[in-house]
């Protein structure tokens, strides 16, 4: 069925929005996020809307897999789905009653390891497989957590990951990306778009860990598959803003001796709102940078030469560095 890949985005979006409408009364009752010193919101707001993104993505991808010509005979996609459900489950529990960080980390590590060890493709064929996979597991575990850390502002996760998901989906439609990750990218994109109206500033619903953790795993797998198909530079460029913001913040907090496992408001995008940037301006800036990064990632695939790759990596790093510095500078000083 040729139209199947084209249907995944609108179907996932409609299903995501419909599930949110149905589930919101329950989330309002059992998963209410109350403001605290580290919050960006000022009134109690239900969280857990990410469950609709995850459910819509899984259901849509499963229904359209066979019409899209994708076989489920292998283990890669079932393992990904089960790992996503595991992270969604622990995230849902944590949204209602916080769990010990050690327990969350163990379950996350198991889910990431299962996905990495069954994923197709190689990141660095010249490196021994065991070393490559060990590095990929550590990187995937960090990525899952950084996506969770970066979900602290209305529309922020959408600004970070709608452009990469749309890019990967378009890449697949053009025949430059395998059918399986193309379908998953489309399902993720649709789920995020269906959630968007409920999370727009000022948000009436938060994503919660039930959404951010599995979304981090799905995006990590999509990037792994892209790198395994020869797009390593593109896979590094696409998530560069959230990767840089979260990693630099972690290193800065480690240097200060902070308890890095505790919630905080030290990320650059959070500091931006303190420095005079509005929420729409902050997330709009991140979206624009992420869209530009998608363009640079595309250039590395269209013109796969070392000079082009190095130039795109340099431009990507410079663009992200410029935005981080802009966020870190008080508005009066930058005017």
C-alpha atoms as a PDB file:
ATOM      1  CA  UNK A   1       0.000   0.000   0.000  1.00  0.00           C
ATOM      2  CA  UNK A   2       1.857   3.079  -1.267  1.00  0.00           C
ATOM      3  CA  UNK A   3      -0.230   5.522   0.812  1.00  0.00           C
ATOM      4  CA  UNK A   4       0.502   3.783   4.118  1.00  0.00           C
ATOM      5  CA  UNK A   5       3.626   5.826   4.999  1.00  0.00           C
ATOM      6  CA  UNK A   6       1.774   9.046   4.182  1.00  0.00           C
ATOM      7  CA  UNK A   7      -1.067   8.121   6.552  1.00  0.00           C
ATOM      8  CA  UNK A   8       1.087   7.534   9.613  1.00  0.00           C
ATOM      9  CA  UNK A   9       1.509  11.187  10.617  1.00  0.00           C
ATOM     10  CA  UNK A  10      -2.159  12.301  10.467  1.00  0.00           C
ATOM     11  CA  UNK A  11      -3.414   9.058  12.027  1.00  0.00           C
ATOM     12  CA  UNK A  12      -0.946   9.237  14.905  1.00  0.00           C
ATOM     13  CA  UNK A  13      -1.774  12.918  15.448  1.00  0.00           C
ATOM     14  CA  UNK A  14      -5.533  12.299  15.564  1.00  0.00           C
ATOM     15  CA  UNK A  15      -5.144   9.303  17.845  1.00  0.00           C
ATOM     16  CA  UNK A  16      -2.792  11.190  20.166  1.00  0.00           C
ATOM     17  CA  UNK A  17      -5.180  14.134  20.472  1.00  0.00           C
ATOM     18  CA  UNK A  18      -8.187  11.839  20.953  1.00  0.00           C
ATOM     19  CA  UNK A  19      -6.467   9.864  23.710  1.00  0.00           C
ATOM     20  CA  UNK A  20      -5.529  13.065  25.503  1.00  0.00           C
ATOM     21  CA  UNK A  21      -9.156  14.222  25.505  1.00  0.00           C
ATOM     22  CA  UNK A  22     -10.221  10.864  26.949  1.00  0.00           C
ATOM     23  CA  UNK A  23      -7.428  10.579  29.527  1.00  0.00           C
ATOM     24  CA  UNK A  24      -7.161  14.166  30.727  1.00  0.00           C
ATOM     25  CA  UNK A  25      -9.791  13.819  33.516  1.00  0.00           C
ATOM     26  CA  UNK A  26      -7.824  10.880  34.962  1.00  0.00           C
ATOM     27  CA  UNK A  27      -4.539  12.761  34.702  1.00  0.00           C
ATOM     28  CA  UNK A  28      -6.152  15.772  36.348  1.00  0.00           C
ATOM     29  CA  UNK A  29      -7.116  13.566  39.271  1.00  0.00           C
ATOM     30  CA  UNK A  30      -4.109  11.284  39.703  1.00  0.00           C
ATOM     31  CA  UNK A  31      -1.106  13.011  38.085  1.00  0.00           C
ATOM     32  CA  UNK A  32      -1.255  16.672  39.048  1.00  0.00           C
ATOM     33  CA  UNK A  33       2.071  18.506  38.961  1.00  0.00           C
ATOM     34  CA  UNK A  34       2.126  21.145  41.672  1.00  0.00           C
ATOM     35  CA  UNK A  35       4.508  24.117  41.381  1.00  0.00           C
ATOM     36  CA  UNK A  36       7.707  24.113  43.398  1.00  0.00           C
ATOM     37  CA  UNK A  37      10.959  26.077  43.505  1.00  0.00           C
ATOM     38  CA  UNK A  38      12.273  24.262  40.430  1.00  0.00           C
ATOM     39  CA  UNK A  39       9.084  24.482  38.336  1.00  0.00           C
ATOM     40  CA  UNK A  40       8.482  26.715  35.342  1.00  0.00           C
ATOM     41  CA  UNK A  41       4.698  26.704  35.886  1.00  0.00           C
ATOM     42  CA  UNK A  42       2.726  28.600  38.526  1.00  0.00           C
ATOM     43  CA  UNK A  43      -0.541  26.683  38.811  1.00  0.00           C
ATOM     44  CA  UNK A  44      -1.177  22.939  39.351  1.00  0.00           C
ATOM     45  CA  UNK A  45      -1.215  21.271  35.927  1.00  0.00           C
ATOM     46  CA  UNK A  46      -1.903  17.639  34.993  1.00  0.00           C
ATOM     47  CA  UNK A  47       1.059  15.700  33.648  1.00  0.00           C
ATOM     48  CA  UNK A  48       1.338  12.370  31.880  1.00  0.00           C
ATOM     49  CA  UNK A  49       0.106  13.468  28.456  1.00  0.00           C
ATOM     50  CA  UNK A  50       3.050  11.627  26.964  1.00  0.00           C
ATOM     51  CA  UNK A  51       1.153   8.378  27.418  1.00  0.00           C
ATOM     52  CA  UNK A  52      -1.030   9.429  24.481  1.00  0.00           C
ATOM     53  CA  UNK A  53       2.034  10.140  22.310  1.00  0.00           C
ATOM     54  CA  UNK A  54       3.515   6.731  23.087  1.00  0.00           C
ATOM     55  CA  UNK A  55       0.255   4.821  22.654  1.00  0.00           C
ATOM     56  CA  UNK A  56      -0.642   6.621  19.430  1.00  0.00           C
ATOM     57  CA  UNK A  57       2.810   6.018  17.982  1.00  0.00           C
ATOM     58  CA  UNK A  58       2.871   2.324  18.858  1.00  0.00           C
ATOM     59  CA  UNK A  59      -0.665   1.638  17.646  1.00  0.00           C
ATOM     60  CA  UNK A  60      -0.273   3.560  14.390  1.00  0.00           C
ATOM     61  CA  UNK A  61       3.088   1.985  13.574  1.00  0.00           C
ATOM     62  CA  UNK A  62       1.758  -1.506  14.314  1.00  0.00           C
ATOM     63  CA  UNK A  63      -1.377  -1.035  12.205  1.00  0.00           C
ATOM     64  CA  UNK A  64       0.464   0.424   9.207  1.00  0.00           C
ATOM     65  CA  UNK A  65       3.565  -1.782   9.321  1.00  0.00           C
ATOM     66  CA  UNK A  66       2.251  -4.548   7.064  1.00  0.00           C
ATOM     67  CA  UNK A  67       0.499  -2.191   4.583  1.00  0.00           C
ATOM     68  CA  UNK A  68       3.797  -0.315   4.352  1.00  0.00           C
ATOM     69  CA  UNK A  69       5.589  -3.542   3.452  1.00  0.00           C
ATOM     70  CA  UNK A  70       7.378  -3.924   6.793  1.00  0.00           C
ATOM     71  CA  UNK A  71       7.710  -7.400   8.253  1.00  0.00           C
ATOM     72  CA  UNK A  72       7.634  -7.929  12.016  1.00  0.00           C
ATOM     73  CA  UNK A  73       9.388 -11.297  11.808  1.00  0.00           C
ATOM     74  CA  UNK A  74      12.645  -9.965  13.292  1.00  0.00           C
ATOM     75  CA  UNK A  75      13.345  -8.939  16.872  1.00  0.00           C
ATOM     76  CA  UNK A  76      14.386  -5.308  16.406  1.00  0.00           C
ATOM     77  CA  UNK A  77      10.965  -3.638  16.271  1.00  0.00           C
ATOM     78  CA  UNK A  78       9.297  -5.879  18.922  1.00  0.00           C
ATOM     79  CA  UNK A  79      12.217  -5.261  21.299  1.00  0.00           C
ATOM     80  CA  UNK A  80      11.972  -1.522  20.651  1.00  0.00           C
ATOM     81  CA  UNK A  81       8.226  -1.590  21.365  1.00  0.00           C
ATOM     82  CA  UNK A  82       8.643  -3.584  24.588  1.00  0.00           C
ATOM     83  CA  UNK A  83      11.461  -1.313  25.757  1.00  0.00           C
ATOM     84  CA  UNK A  84       9.348   1.756  25.024  1.00  0.00           C
ATOM     85  CA  UNK A  85       6.502   0.277  27.065  1.00  0.00           C
ATOM     86  CA  UNK A  86       8.884  -0.487  29.941  1.00  0.00           C
ATOM     87  CA  UNK A  87      10.124   3.099  30.075  1.00  0.00           C
ATOM     88  CA  UNK A  88       6.591   4.436  29.729  1.00  0.00           C
ATOM     89  CA  UNK A  89       5.486   2.267  32.648  1.00  0.00           C
ATOM     90  CA  UNK A  90       8.254   3.388  34.984  1.00  0.00           C
ATOM     91  CA  UNK A  91       7.709   6.976  33.855  1.00  0.00           C
ATOM     92  CA  UNK A  92       3.983   6.751  34.612  1.00  0.00           C
ATOM     93  CA  UNK A  93       4.673   5.461  38.113  1.00  0.00           C
ATOM     94  CA  UNK A  94       7.281   8.150  38.680  1.00  0.00           C
ATOM     95  CA  UNK A  95       4.849  10.863  37.543  1.00  0.00           C
ATOM     96  CA  UNK A  96       2.440   9.783  40.291  1.00  0.00           C
ATOM     97  CA  UNK A  97       4.862   8.732  43.032  1.00  0.00           C
ATOM     98  CA  UNK A  98       8.586   9.486  42.581  1.00  0.00           C
ATOM     99  CA  UNK A  99      10.826   6.398  42.447  1.00  0.00           C
ATOM    100  CA  UNK A 100      14.448   6.035  43.624  1.00  0.00           C
ATOM    101  CA  UNK A 101      16.936   7.271  41.027  1.00  0.00           C
ATOM    102  CA  UNK A 102      18.858   3.982  41.225  1.00  0.00           C
ATOM    103  CA  UNK A 103      15.796   1.917  40.283  1.00  0.00           C
ATOM    104  CA  UNK A 104      14.959   4.203  37.370  1.00  0.00           C
ATOM    105  CA  UNK A 105      18.534   4.028  36.108  1.00  0.00           C
ATOM    106  CA  UNK A 106      18.660   0.218  36.200  1.00  0.00           C
ATOM    107  CA  UNK A 107      15.435  -0.138  34.221  1.00  0.00           C
ATOM    108  CA  UNK A 108      16.511   2.519  31.745  1.00  0.00           C
ATOM    109  CA  UNK A 109      19.872   0.798  31.237  1.00  0.00           C
ATOM    110  CA  UNK A 110      18.148  -2.525  30.576  1.00  0.00           C
ATOM    111  CA  UNK A 111      15.789  -0.985  28.034  1.00  0.00           C
ATOM    112  CA  UNK A 112      18.585   0.856  26.225  1.00  0.00           C
ATOM    113  CA  UNK A 113      20.808  -2.219  26.174  1.00  0.00           C
ATOM    114  CA  UNK A 114      18.020  -4.360  24.721  1.00  0.00           C
ATOM    115  CA  UNK A 115      17.440  -1.852  21.914  1.00  0.00           C
ATOM    116  CA  UNK A 116      21.129  -1.345  21.109  1.00  0.00           C
ATOM    117  CA  UNK A 117      21.983  -5.036  21.099  1.00  0.00           C
ATOM    118  CA  UNK A 118      19.189  -5.860  18.641  1.00  0.00           C
ATOM    119  CA  UNK A 119      19.559  -2.793  16.394  1.00  0.00           C
ATOM    120  CA  UNK A 120      20.741  -3.237  12.827  1.00  0.00           C
ATOM    121  CA  UNK A 121      23.766  -1.425  11.449  1.00  0.00           C
ATOM    122  CA  UNK A 122      27.190  -0.370  12.711  1.00  0.00           C
ATOM    123  CA  UNK A 123      28.294   3.027  13.939  1.00  0.00           C
ATOM    124  CA  UNK A 124      32.028   2.500  13.443  1.00  0.00           C
ATOM    125  CA  UNK A 125      32.781  -0.718  11.527  1.00  0.00           C
ATOM    126  CA  UNK A 126      36.505  -0.382  12.218  1.00  0.00           C
ATOM    127  CA  UNK A 127      35.929  -0.524  15.990  1.00  0.00           C
ATOM    128  CA  UNK A 128      35.380  -3.912  17.709  1.00  0.00           C
ATOM    129  CA  UNK A 129      31.672  -4.642  18.015  1.00  0.00           C
ATOM    130  CA  UNK A 130      31.762  -5.024  21.804  1.00  0.00           C
ATOM    131  CA  UNK A 131      33.369  -1.626  22.293  1.00  0.00           C
ATOM    132  CA  UNK A 132      30.983   0.019  19.832  1.00  0.00           C
ATOM    133  CA  UNK A 133      27.890  -1.441  21.486  1.00  0.00           C
ATOM    134  CA  UNK A 134      29.117  -0.564  24.983  1.00  0.00           C
ATOM    135  CA  UNK A 135      29.640   3.031  23.920  1.00  0.00           C
ATOM    136  CA  UNK A 136      26.221   3.067  22.221  1.00  0.00           C
ATOM    137  CA  UNK A 137      24.525   1.808  25.395  1.00  0.00           C
ATOM    138  CA  UNK A 138      26.152   4.515  27.524  1.00  0.00           C
ATOM    139  CA  UNK A 139      25.313   7.181  24.933  1.00  0.00           C
ATOM    140  CA  UNK A 140      21.743   5.915  24.660  1.00  0.00           C
ATOM    141  CA  UNK A 141      21.288   5.939  28.426  1.00  0.00           C
ATOM    142  CA  UNK A 142      22.505   9.520  28.599  1.00  0.00           C
ATOM    143  CA  UNK A 143      20.274  10.505  25.689  1.00  0.00           C
ATOM    144  CA  UNK A 144      17.152   9.044  27.336  1.00  0.00           C
ATOM    145  CA  UNK A 145      17.884  11.020  30.478  1.00  0.00           C
ATOM    146  CA  UNK A 146      18.786  14.264  28.741  1.00  0.00           C
ATOM    147  CA  UNK A 147      15.484  14.234  26.857  1.00  0.00           C
ATOM    148  CA  UNK A 148      13.814  13.911  30.242  1.00  0.00           C
ATOM    149  CA  UNK A 149      15.917  16.751  31.680  1.00  0.00           C
ATOM    150  CA  UNK A 150      15.143  19.013  28.729  1.00  0.00           C
ATOM    151  CA  UNK A 151      11.366  18.624  29.108  1.00  0.00           C
ATOM    152  CA  UNK A 152      10.982  21.545  31.482  1.00  0.00           C
ATOM    153  CA  UNK A 153       9.171  24.190  29.454  1.00  0.00           C
ATOM    154  CA  UNK A 154       5.963  24.320  27.438  1.00  0.00           C
ATOM    155  CA  UNK A 155       6.552  23.076  23.873  1.00  0.00           C
ATOM    156  CA  UNK A 156      10.284  22.528  24.530  1.00  0.00           C
ATOM    157  CA  UNK A 157      10.323  18.816  23.652  1.00  0.00           C
ATOM    158  CA  UNK A 158       8.314  19.551  20.509  1.00  0.00           C
ATOM    159  CA  UNK A 159      10.724  22.337  19.509  1.00  0.00           C
ATOM    160  CA  UNK A 160      13.640  19.950  19.964  1.00  0.00           C
ATOM    161  CA  UNK A 161      12.296  16.857  18.236  1.00  0.00           C
ATOM    162  CA  UNK A 162       9.608  17.809  15.709  1.00  0.00           C
ATOM    163  CA  UNK A 163      12.275  19.078  13.246  1.00  0.00           C
ATOM    164  CA  UNK A 164      14.459  15.920  13.478  1.00  0.00           C
ATOM    165  CA  UNK A 165      11.434  13.606  13.284  1.00  0.00           C
ATOM    166  CA  UNK A 166      10.070  15.477  10.262  1.00  0.00           C
ATOM    167  CA  UNK A 167      13.498  15.390   8.610  1.00  0.00           C
ATOM    168  CA  UNK A 168      13.908  11.635   9.148  1.00  0.00           C
ATOM    169  CA  UNK A 169      10.375  10.952   7.913  1.00  0.00           C
ATOM    170  CA  UNK A 170      10.977  13.015   4.765  1.00  0.00           C
ATOM    171  CA  UNK A 171      14.328  11.290   4.317  1.00  0.00           C
ATOM    172  CA  UNK A 172      12.559   7.932   4.364  1.00  0.00           C
ATOM    173  CA  UNK A 173       9.883   9.041   1.922  1.00  0.00           C
ATOM    174  CA  UNK A 174      12.675  10.001  -0.465  1.00  0.00           C
ATOM    175  CA  UNK A 175      14.114   6.481  -0.237  1.00  0.00           C
ATOM    176  CA  UNK A 176      17.240   7.476   1.722  1.00  0.00           C
ATOM    177  CA  UNK A 177      16.229   5.883   5.057  1.00  0.00           C
ATOM    178  CA  UNK A 178      15.071   2.349   5.810  1.00  0.00           C
ATOM    179  CA  UNK A 179      11.281   1.727   5.912  1.00  0.00           C
ATOM    180  CA  UNK A 180      11.200   0.664   9.588  1.00  0.00           C
ATOM    181  CA  UNK A 181      12.699   3.834  11.097  1.00  0.00           C
ATOM    182  CA  UNK A 182      10.796   5.918   8.558  1.00  0.00           C
ATOM    183  CA  UNK A 183       7.502   4.542   9.870  1.00  0.00           C
ATOM    184  CA  UNK A 184       8.592   5.042  13.482  1.00  0.00           C
ATOM    185  CA  UNK A 185       9.723   8.618  12.773  1.00  0.00           C
ATOM    186  CA  UNK A 186       6.345   9.385  11.197  1.00  0.00           C
ATOM    187  CA  UNK A 187       4.478   7.858  14.142  1.00  0.00           C
ATOM    188  CA  UNK A 188       6.545   9.900  16.601  1.00  0.00           C
ATOM    189  CA  UNK A 189       6.027  13.073  14.567  1.00  0.00           C
ATOM    190  CA  UNK A 190       2.268  12.540  14.483  1.00  0.00           C
ATOM    191  CA  UNK A 191       2.094  11.800  18.196  1.00  0.00           C
ATOM    192  CA  UNK A 192       3.993  14.977  19.021  1.00  0.00           C
ATOM    193  CA  UNK A 193       1.793  17.103  16.738  1.00  0.00           C
ATOM    194  CA  UNK A 194      -1.353  15.684  18.346  1.00  0.00           C
ATOM    195  CA  UNK A 195      -0.002  16.631  21.770  1.00  0.00           C
ATOM    196  CA  UNK A 196       1.060  20.130  20.697  1.00  0.00           C
ATOM    197  CA  UNK A 197      -2.271  21.990  21.131  1.00  0.00           C
ATOM    198  CA  UNK A 198      -2.539  20.862  24.760  1.00  0.00           C
ATOM    199  CA  UNK A 199       1.030  21.816  25.656  1.00  0.00           C
ATOM    200  CA  UNK A 200       1.248  25.212  23.961  1.00  0.00           C
ATOM    201  CA  UNK A 201       2.152  28.075  26.329  1.00  0.00           C
ATOM    202  CA  UNK A 202       0.552  28.381  28.824  1.00  0.00           C
ATOM    203  CA  UNK A 203       0.257  24.581  28.894  1.00  0.00           C
ATOM    204  CA  UNK A 204      -2.901  22.815  30.006  1.00  0.00           C
ATOM    205  CA  UNK A 205      -1.081  19.483  30.066  1.00  0.00           C
ATOM    206  CA  UNK A 206       2.502  18.332  30.593  1.00  0.00           C
ATOM    207  CA  UNK A 207       4.196  15.391  28.911  1.00  0.00           C
ATOM    208  CA  UNK A 208       5.654  13.858  32.057  1.00  0.00           C
ATOM    209  CA  UNK A 209       8.250  11.105  32.353  1.00  0.00           C
ATOM    210  CA  UNK A 210       5.782   8.676  30.790  1.00  0.00           C
ATOM    211  CA  UNK A 211       6.425  10.513  27.532  1.00  0.00           C
ATOM    212  CA  UNK A 212       9.925  11.971  27.734  1.00  0.00           C
ATOM    213  CA  UNK A 213      11.712   8.714  28.642  1.00  0.00           C
ATOM    214  CA  UNK A 214      10.299   6.562  25.804  1.00  0.00           C
ATOM    215  CA  UNK A 215      10.589   9.451  23.341  1.00  0.00           C
ATOM    216  CA  UNK A 216      14.265   9.686  24.238  1.00  0.00           C
ATOM    217  CA  UNK A 217      14.672   5.974  23.545  1.00  0.00           C
ATOM    218  CA  UNK A 218      12.854   6.151  20.203  1.00  0.00           C
ATOM    219  CA  UNK A 219      14.882   9.143  19.030  1.00  0.00           C
ATOM    220  CA  UNK A 220      18.113   7.460  20.139  1.00  0.00           C
ATOM    221  CA  UNK A 221      17.178   4.383  18.075  1.00  0.00           C
ATOM    222  CA  UNK A 222      16.285   6.516  15.058  1.00  0.00           C
ATOM    223  CA  UNK A 223      19.660   8.263  15.254  1.00  0.00           C
ATOM    224  CA  UNK A 224      21.466   4.939  15.708  1.00  0.00           C
ATOM    225  CA  UNK A 225      19.801   3.580  12.576  1.00  0.00           C
ATOM    226  CA  UNK A 226      20.670   6.748  10.662  1.00  0.00           C
ATOM    227  CA  UNK A 227      24.312   6.488  11.739  1.00  0.00           C
ATOM    228  CA  UNK A 228      24.318   2.796  10.870  1.00  0.00           C
ATOM    229  CA  UNK A 229      23.213   3.640   7.331  1.00  0.00           C
ATOM    230  CA  UNK A 230      26.177   5.941   6.804  1.00  0.00           C
ATOM    231  CA  UNK A 231      24.755   9.114   8.314  1.00  0.00           C
ATOM    232  CA  UNK A 232      26.930   9.405  11.428  1.00  0.00           C
ATOM    233  CA  UNK A 233      27.546  13.141  10.989  1.00  0.00           C
ATOM    234  CA  UNK A 234      23.832  13.772  10.396  1.00  0.00           C
ATOM    235  CA  UNK A 235      22.982  11.743  13.508  1.00  0.00           C
ATOM    236  CA  UNK A 236      25.315  13.948  15.550  1.00  0.00           C
ATOM    237  CA  UNK A 237      23.985  17.201  14.119  1.00  0.00           C
ATOM    238  CA  UNK A 238      20.226  16.559  14.425  1.00  0.00           C
ATOM    239  CA  UNK A 239      19.976  16.511  18.262  1.00  0.00           C
ATOM    240  CA  UNK A 240      22.852  18.932  18.867  1.00  0.00           C
ATOM    241  CA  UNK A 241      20.951  21.637  20.771  1.00  0.00           C
ATOM    242  CA  UNK A 242      19.436  19.405  23.497  1.00  0.00           C
ATOM    243  CA  UNK A 243      22.635  17.353  23.614  1.00  0.00           C
ATOM    244  CA  UNK A 244      24.800  20.437  24.158  1.00  0.00           C
ATOM    245  CA  UNK A 245      22.453  22.136  26.623  1.00  0.00           C
ATOM    246  CA  UNK A 246      22.038  19.050  28.822  1.00  0.00           C
ATOM    247  CA  UNK A 247      25.689  17.926  28.667  1.00  0.00           C
ATOM    248  CA  UNK A 248      27.221  21.329  29.373  1.00  0.00           C
ATOM    249  CA  UNK A 249      24.758  21.880  32.218  1.00  0.00           C
ATOM    250  CA  UNK A 250      25.659  18.497  33.722  1.00  0.00           C
ATOM    251  CA  UNK A 251      29.394  19.244  33.509  1.00  0.00           C
ATOM    252  CA  UNK A 252      28.887  22.669  35.073  1.00  0.00           C
ATOM    253  CA  UNK A 253      26.880  21.194  37.951  1.00  0.00           C
ATOM    254  CA  UNK A 254      29.477  18.458  38.507  1.00  0.00           C
ATOM    255  CA  UNK A 255      32.157  21.133  38.689  1.00  0.00           C
ATOM    256  CA  UNK A 256      30.160  22.993  41.347  1.00  0.00           C
ATOM    257  CA  UNK A 257      29.625  19.804  43.333  1.00  0.00           C
ATOM    258  CA  UNK A 258      25.830  19.801  42.903  1.00  0.00           C
ATOM    259  CA  UNK A 259      23.743  16.660  43.386  1.00  0.00           C
ATOM    260  CA  UNK A 260      23.237  16.047  39.664  1.00  0.00           C
ATOM    261  CA  UNK A 261      20.393  13.552  40.192  1.00  0.00           C
ATOM    262  CA  UNK A 262      18.182  16.226  41.736  1.00  0.00           C
ATOM    263  CA  UNK A 263      15.796  18.449  39.765  1.00  0.00           C
ATOM    264  CA  UNK A 264      17.024  21.985  39.058  1.00  0.00           C
ATOM    265  CA  UNK A 265      16.540  25.050  36.851  1.00  0.00           C
ATOM    266  CA  UNK A 266      20.075  25.439  35.509  1.00  0.00           C
ATOM    267  CA  UNK A 267      19.606  24.466  31.866  1.00  0.00           C
ATOM    268  CA  UNK A 268      20.281  27.196  29.341  1.00  0.00           C
ATOM    269  CA  UNK A 269      16.678  27.233  28.141  1.00  0.00           C
ATOM    270  CA  UNK A 270      15.517  27.669  31.754  1.00  0.00           C
ATOM    271  CA  UNK A 271      18.060  30.411  32.415  1.00  0.00           C
ATOM    272  CA  UNK A 272      16.786  32.148  29.282  1.00  0.00           C
ATOM    273  CA  UNK A 273      13.362  32.701  30.856  1.00  0.00           C
ATOM    274  CA  UNK A 274      15.065  34.210  33.907  1.00  0.00           C
ATOM    275  CA  UNK A 275      17.147  36.458  31.665  1.00  0.00           C
ATOM    276  CA  UNK A 276      14.104  38.049  30.048  1.00  0.00           C
ATOM    277  CA  UNK A 277      13.173  35.679  27.212  1.00  0.00           C
ATOM    278  CA  UNK A 278       9.511  34.734  26.968  1.00  0.00           C
ATOM    279  CA  UNK A 279       8.558  31.074  26.748  1.00  0.00           C
ATOM    280  CA  UNK A 280       7.371  31.378  23.110  1.00  0.00           C
ATOM    281  CA  UNK A 281      10.593  33.184  22.181  1.00  0.00           C
ATOM    282  CA  UNK A 282      12.725  30.555  23.899  1.00  0.00           C
ATOM    283  CA  UNK A 283      11.070  27.537  22.318  1.00  0.00           C
ATOM    284  CA  UNK A 284      10.783  29.352  18.992  1.00  0.00           C
ATOM    285  CA  UNK A 285      14.531  29.953  19.000  1.00  0.00           C
ATOM    286  CA  UNK A 286      15.202  26.293  19.769  1.00  0.00           C
ATOM    287  CA  UNK A 287      12.820  25.193  17.006  1.00  0.00           C
ATOM    288  CA  UNK A 288      14.511  27.482  14.483  1.00  0.00           C
ATOM    289  CA  UNK A 289      17.967  26.196  15.417  1.00  0.00           C
ATOM    290  CA  UNK A 290      16.824  22.569  15.295  1.00  0.00           C
ATOM    291  CA  UNK A 291      15.288  23.172  11.859  1.00  0.00           C
ATOM    292  CA  UNK A 292      18.556  24.715  10.667  1.00  0.00           C
ATOM    293  CA  UNK A 293      20.456  21.732  12.057  1.00  0.00           C
ATOM    294  CA  UNK A 294      18.179  19.447  10.054  1.00  0.00           C
ATOM    295  CA  UNK A 295      19.207  21.373   6.948  1.00  0.00           C
ATOM    296  CA  UNK A 296      22.888  20.930   7.794  1.00  0.00           C
ATOM    297  CA  UNK A 297      22.327  17.228   8.473  1.00  0.00           C
ATOM    298  CA  UNK A 298      20.696  16.949   5.063  1.00  0.00           C
ATOM    299  CA  UNK A 299      23.694  18.610   3.421  1.00  0.00           C
ATOM    300  CA  UNK A 300      26.034  15.953   4.844  1.00  0.00           C
ATOM    301  CA  UNK A 301      23.871  13.268   3.236  1.00  0.00           C
ATOM    302  CA  UNK A 302      23.427  15.007  -0.112  1.00  0.00           C
ATOM    303  CA  UNK A 303      27.138  15.832  -0.471  1.00  0.00           C
ATOM    304  CA  UNK A 304      28.957  13.106   1.485  1.00  0.00           C
ATOM    305  CA  UNK A 305      32.485  14.476   1.357  1.00  0.00           C
ATOM    306  CA  UNK A 306      34.889  15.261   4.197  1.00  0.00           C
ATOM    307  CA  UNK A 307      35.029  19.040   3.543  1.00  0.00           C
ATOM    308  CA  UNK A 308      31.226  19.328   3.476  1.00  0.00           C
ATOM    309  CA  UNK A 309      30.875  17.166   6.586  1.00  0.00           C
ATOM    310  CA  UNK A 310      33.450  19.171   8.553  1.00  0.00           C
ATOM    311  CA  UNK A 311      31.923  22.458   7.413  1.00  0.00           C
ATOM    312  CA  UNK A 312      28.421  21.355   8.468  1.00  0.00           C
ATOM    313  CA  UNK A 313      29.664  20.093  11.844  1.00  0.00           C
ATOM    314  CA  UNK A 314      31.448  23.402  12.413  1.00  0.00           C
ATOM    315  CA  UNK A 315      28.409  25.447  11.428  1.00  0.00           C
ATOM    316  CA  UNK A 316      26.164  23.310  13.637  1.00  0.00           C
ATOM    317  CA  UNK A 317      28.459  23.738  16.649  1.00  0.00           C
ATOM    318  CA  UNK A 318      28.704  27.477  16.048  1.00  0.00           C
ATOM    319  CA  UNK A 319      24.949  27.886  15.722  1.00  0.00           C
ATOM    320  CA  UNK A 320      24.229  25.960  18.906  1.00  0.00           C
ATOM    321  CA  UNK A 321      26.995  27.779  20.762  1.00  0.00           C
ATOM    322  CA  UNK A 322      25.539  31.110  19.653  1.00  0.00           C
ATOM    323  CA  UNK A 323      22.085  30.189  20.984  1.00  0.00           C
ATOM    324  CA  UNK A 324      23.426  28.904  24.302  1.00  0.00           C
ATOM    325  CA  UNK A 325      25.369  32.114  24.810  1.00  0.00           C
ATOM    326  CA  UNK A 326      22.328  34.179  23.871  1.00  0.00           C
ATOM    327  CA  UNK A 327      20.217  32.319  26.430  1.00  0.00           C
ATOM    328  CA  UNK A 328      22.890  32.759  29.117  1.00  0.00           C
ATOM    329  CA  UNK A 329      23.130  36.525  28.621  1.00  0.00           C
ATOM    330  CA  UNK A 330      20.648  38.776  30.501  1.00  0.00           C
ATOM    331  CA  UNK A 331      18.357  40.550  28.059  1.00  0.00           C
ATOM    332  CA  UNK A 332      19.407  44.034  29.132  1.00  0.00           C
ATOM    333  CA  UNK A 333      23.062  43.160  28.582  1.00  0.00           C
ATOM    334  CA  UNK A 334      22.435  41.615  25.152  1.00  0.00           C
ATOM    335  CA  UNK A 335      20.270  44.483  23.909  1.00  0.00           C
END
